[in-house]
Protein backbone atom coordinates (compact mmCIF):
# COMPACT_ATOMS: atom_id res chain seq x y z
CA MET A 1 -74.64 -37.62 -35.86
CA PRO A 2 -74.39 -40.08 -39.27
CA LEU A 3 -72.42 -43.27 -38.06
CA ARG A 4 -69.35 -42.69 -40.24
CA GLN A 5 -68.94 -39.01 -38.66
CA GLU A 6 -69.56 -40.24 -35.17
CA LYS A 7 -66.79 -42.88 -35.71
CA ARG A 8 -64.48 -40.19 -37.20
CA PHE A 9 -64.89 -38.07 -34.01
CA TYR A 10 -64.55 -40.90 -31.97
CA VAL A 11 -61.40 -41.78 -33.59
CA ALA A 12 -60.12 -38.29 -32.92
CA ILE A 13 -61.23 -37.10 -29.72
CA LEU A 14 -59.96 -40.42 -28.25
CA ALA A 15 -56.97 -38.97 -26.16
CA LEU A 16 -56.70 -36.27 -24.37
CA LEU A 17 -56.53 -35.14 -23.01
CA GLY A 18 -55.95 -34.96 -21.63
CA VAL A 19 -53.22 -30.36 -25.65
CA ALA A 20 -52.40 -26.34 -27.53
CA LEU A 21 -55.32 -25.08 -29.49
CA GLY A 22 -54.38 -23.28 -32.71
CA ALA A 23 -51.43 -25.60 -33.38
CA PRO A 24 -51.45 -26.56 -37.45
CA ALA A 25 -53.07 -29.66 -38.14
CA PHE A 26 -50.63 -32.62 -39.25
CA CYS A 27 -53.02 -34.24 -41.56
CA SER A 28 -52.67 -32.86 -45.44
CA SER A 29 -56.22 -34.18 -46.35
CA ALA A 30 -58.19 -31.49 -48.04
CA ARG A 31 -61.07 -33.40 -46.23
CA ALA A 32 -59.88 -32.19 -42.54
CA SER A 33 -62.22 -30.96 -39.99
CA ALA A 34 -61.69 -29.41 -36.65
CA TRP A 35 -63.48 -30.13 -33.67
CA ALA A 36 -63.33 -28.00 -30.18
CA LEU A 37 -63.20 -29.82 -26.85
CA ASP A 38 -65.48 -28.32 -24.46
CA PRO A 39 -63.53 -27.24 -21.15
CA ALA A 40 -66.75 -26.86 -19.47
CA ALA A 41 -68.29 -30.29 -20.12
CA THR A 42 -64.79 -32.20 -20.29
CA ARG A 43 -63.51 -33.70 -16.94
CA ILE A 44 -60.22 -35.03 -16.03
CA ALA A 45 -59.77 -36.61 -12.98
CA PHE A 46 -56.43 -38.42 -11.22
CA SER A 47 -55.97 -41.12 -8.57
CA VAL A 48 -53.08 -41.41 -6.22
CA LYS A 49 -52.23 -44.08 -3.43
CA ASN A 50 -51.84 -42.42 -0.15
CA LEU A 51 -50.88 -44.64 2.86
CA SER A 52 -52.39 -42.48 5.35
CA VAL A 53 -56.11 -42.13 3.67
CA ALA A 54 -55.95 -45.02 0.91
CA TYR A 55 -56.12 -42.75 -2.04
CA VAL A 56 -56.52 -39.05 -3.02
CA ASN A 57 -58.71 -38.38 -5.82
CA GLY A 58 -58.91 -34.92 -7.53
CA THR A 59 -59.54 -33.13 -10.67
CA PHE A 60 -58.03 -30.42 -13.55
CA ARG A 61 -59.54 -27.93 -15.68
CA LEU A 62 -59.35 -28.28 -19.21
CA ALA A 63 -57.79 -24.95 -20.41
CA SER A 64 -58.26 -25.78 -23.96
CA GLY A 65 -58.64 -28.70 -26.76
CA ARG A 66 -58.64 -29.42 -30.52
CA VAL A 67 -59.44 -32.29 -32.48
CA VAL A 68 -58.52 -32.50 -36.21
CA LEU A 69 -60.17 -35.13 -38.42
CA ASP A 70 -59.15 -36.71 -41.52
CA ASP A 71 -62.13 -37.90 -43.35
CA GLY A 72 -60.02 -40.09 -45.50
CA ASP A 73 -57.82 -42.00 -42.63
CA PRO A 74 -59.23 -41.39 -38.90
CA SER A 75 -55.59 -42.94 -37.85
CA ARG A 76 -54.18 -39.59 -39.24
CA GLY A 77 -56.33 -37.39 -36.69
CA THR A 78 -54.60 -35.55 -34.08
CA ILE A 79 -55.91 -34.38 -30.84
CA GLU A 80 -54.55 -31.44 -28.71
CA ALA A 81 -55.22 -30.25 -25.24
CA VAL A 82 -54.25 -27.84 -22.61
CA ILE A 83 -54.71 -28.40 -18.89
CA ASP A 84 -54.46 -25.74 -16.27
CA ALA A 85 -52.08 -27.03 -13.59
CA GLY A 86 -52.98 -24.43 -11.17
CA SER A 87 -56.65 -25.75 -11.29
CA VAL A 88 -56.01 -29.51 -9.09
CA ASP A 89 -58.62 -29.67 -6.82
CA THR A 90 -58.58 -32.68 -4.25
CA ASP A 91 -61.27 -30.68 -2.09
CA GLU A 92 -58.82 -29.99 0.80
CA PRO A 93 -57.34 -26.64 0.29
CA LYS A 94 -54.18 -27.04 2.10
CA ARG A 95 -53.10 -30.16 0.19
CA ASP A 96 -53.77 -28.35 -3.36
CA ALA A 97 -51.66 -25.61 -2.38
CA HIS A 98 -49.00 -28.14 -1.52
CA LEU A 99 -49.69 -29.86 -5.00
CA ARG A 100 -49.04 -26.56 -6.71
CA SER A 101 -45.63 -26.05 -5.06
CA ALA A 102 -42.17 -26.79 -6.31
CA ASP A 103 -42.30 -30.20 -4.31
CA PHE A 104 -45.10 -31.39 -7.27
CA LEU A 105 -46.69 -29.22 -10.30
CA ASP A 106 -44.69 -26.12 -9.47
CA VAL A 107 -47.22 -24.34 -11.34
CA THR A 108 -45.51 -20.99 -11.01
CA ARG A 109 -42.70 -22.23 -13.51
CA TYR A 110 -45.09 -24.52 -15.23
CA PRO A 111 -48.80 -23.18 -15.73
CA THR A 112 -49.76 -26.02 -18.02
CA ILE A 113 -49.89 -29.61 -18.71
CA ALA A 114 -50.16 -30.32 -22.17
CA PHE A 115 -50.89 -33.48 -24.49
CA GLN A 116 -50.49 -33.70 -28.12
CA SER A 117 -51.26 -37.29 -30.19
CA THR A 118 -48.55 -38.83 -32.21
CA ARG A 119 -50.48 -42.20 -33.40
CA ILE A 120 -54.01 -43.46 -33.04
CA ASP A 121 -54.44 -47.33 -33.53
CA GLU A 122 -57.71 -49.62 -33.59
CA ALA A 123 -57.85 -51.95 -30.70
CA ASP A 124 -59.77 -54.82 -29.74
CA GLY A 125 -63.27 -54.40 -29.37
CA ASP A 126 -64.54 -50.97 -28.89
CA HIS A 127 -61.21 -49.60 -27.57
CA TRP A 128 -58.91 -47.40 -29.32
CA ARG A 129 -55.04 -46.99 -28.38
CA VAL A 130 -54.00 -43.47 -28.97
CA THR A 131 -50.46 -42.67 -28.30
CA GLY A 132 -48.89 -39.14 -27.48
CA ASN A 133 -46.81 -36.87 -25.87
CA LEU A 134 -47.63 -35.69 -22.47
CA THR A 135 -45.52 -32.60 -21.00
CA LEU A 136 -45.99 -32.45 -17.08
CA ARG A 137 -43.69 -30.03 -15.33
CA GLY A 138 -41.61 -28.92 -18.29
CA THR A 139 -40.88 -32.89 -18.94
CA THR A 140 -42.04 -34.53 -21.93
CA ARG A 141 -42.78 -38.33 -21.95
CA PRO A 142 -44.75 -40.75 -24.20
CA VAL A 143 -48.04 -41.85 -23.13
CA VAL A 144 -50.63 -44.25 -24.27
CA LEU A 145 -54.35 -43.80 -23.56
CA ASP A 146 -57.44 -46.53 -23.40
CA VAL A 147 -60.01 -45.03 -25.42
CA GLN A 148 -63.72 -46.32 -25.00
CA ARG A 149 -66.63 -45.93 -27.58
CA SER A 150 -67.64 -42.51 -27.94
CA ILE A 151 -71.46 -41.52 -27.38
CA ALA A 152 -73.16 -38.79 -29.67
CA GLN A 153 -75.94 -36.62 -29.21
CA GLY A 154 -76.84 -33.79 -31.91
CA SER A 155 -73.93 -31.91 -32.40
CA ARG A 156 -71.88 -33.15 -29.28
CA ALA A 157 -70.20 -36.35 -28.85
CA SER A 158 -67.97 -37.78 -25.70
CA ALA A 159 -65.47 -40.02 -25.30
CA HIS A 160 -63.93 -41.94 -22.32
CA ALA A 161 -60.06 -42.16 -21.92
CA SER A 162 -57.67 -43.60 -19.15
CA THR A 163 -54.09 -43.91 -18.73
CA THR A 164 -51.29 -44.62 -15.68
CA ILE A 165 -48.22 -42.83 -15.36
CA ASP A 166 -45.20 -42.77 -13.12
CA ARG A 167 -44.93 -39.38 -11.52
CA ARG A 168 -41.02 -39.66 -11.41
CA ASP A 169 -40.75 -39.96 -15.13
CA PHE A 170 -41.69 -36.05 -15.04
CA GLY A 171 -39.43 -35.14 -12.04
CA ILE A 172 -41.95 -35.24 -9.29
CA THR A 173 -40.05 -37.28 -6.89
CA TYR A 174 -41.24 -35.94 -3.43
CA SER A 175 -41.36 -38.86 -1.11
CA GLY A 176 -43.03 -37.35 2.08
CA TYR A 177 -46.16 -38.74 3.42
CA ALA A 178 -45.85 -42.20 1.55
CA VAL A 179 -47.45 -41.02 -1.63
CA GLY A 180 -47.57 -43.17 -4.33
CA THR A 181 -45.82 -42.80 -7.52
CA GLU A 182 -48.67 -44.15 -9.97
CA VAL A 183 -51.04 -41.91 -11.08
CA ALA A 184 -54.32 -43.12 -12.55
CA ILE A 185 -55.75 -40.60 -14.95
CA THR A 186 -59.23 -40.69 -16.54
CA ILE A 187 -60.91 -38.28 -19.12
CA ASP A 188 -64.29 -37.77 -20.07
CA ALA A 189 -63.74 -35.72 -22.78
CA VAL A 190 -66.91 -33.82 -24.63
CA GLY A 191 -66.26 -32.27 -28.30
CA ILE A 192 -68.50 -29.89 -30.13
CA GLU A 193 -68.86 -30.18 -33.81
CA PRO A 194 -68.31 -27.11 -36.13
CA ALA A 195 -71.39 -25.69 -37.83
CA PRO A 196 -71.86 -26.69 -41.31
CA ASP A 197 -70.97 -23.17 -42.71
CA ALA A 198 -68.04 -22.53 -40.27
CA PRO A 199 -65.03 -21.56 -42.04
CA PRO A 200 -62.28 -24.11 -42.44
CA GLU A 201 -59.63 -23.73 -39.68
């Protein structure tokens, strides 16, 4: 992948998440292109402090994702992704069932977690800052992701992102079992380059 193209993809994949495929692109440039995030290869992990077991670590599954690039202005790129809330997995079935309940994610009412970027800025070194809206349990709040340099191999590229949220900001106020309020999130996103002859989105 050419260096310039790799950088463009890196700028756009930066976030995450992290959300709804098929929404219109926000950039007006005629030189826009779309990338698909690979649900099978993208990994979304979280960690929450719990006094009884130190930390609880788990993962979510990406349902769909889309990256739109603006060749002329990478800062106008957009990222959208949808996460399957019911896919939460901490390797403990009883705990996972509790996390899916109304005490936490309430997946019956809110089956997805969504992210949509609003701004992308270059930060120090090989980092980028991606600001966007995270919708969790029916509540939308702004979040900022720190994104590190991407790696490109052939028609695929990857990037690592991280952020920390306070679950209470999203209406998750359950306080039993001394569950921590800060949730550290890491995303290892993998994007697929569109074929050269693919029709524009």
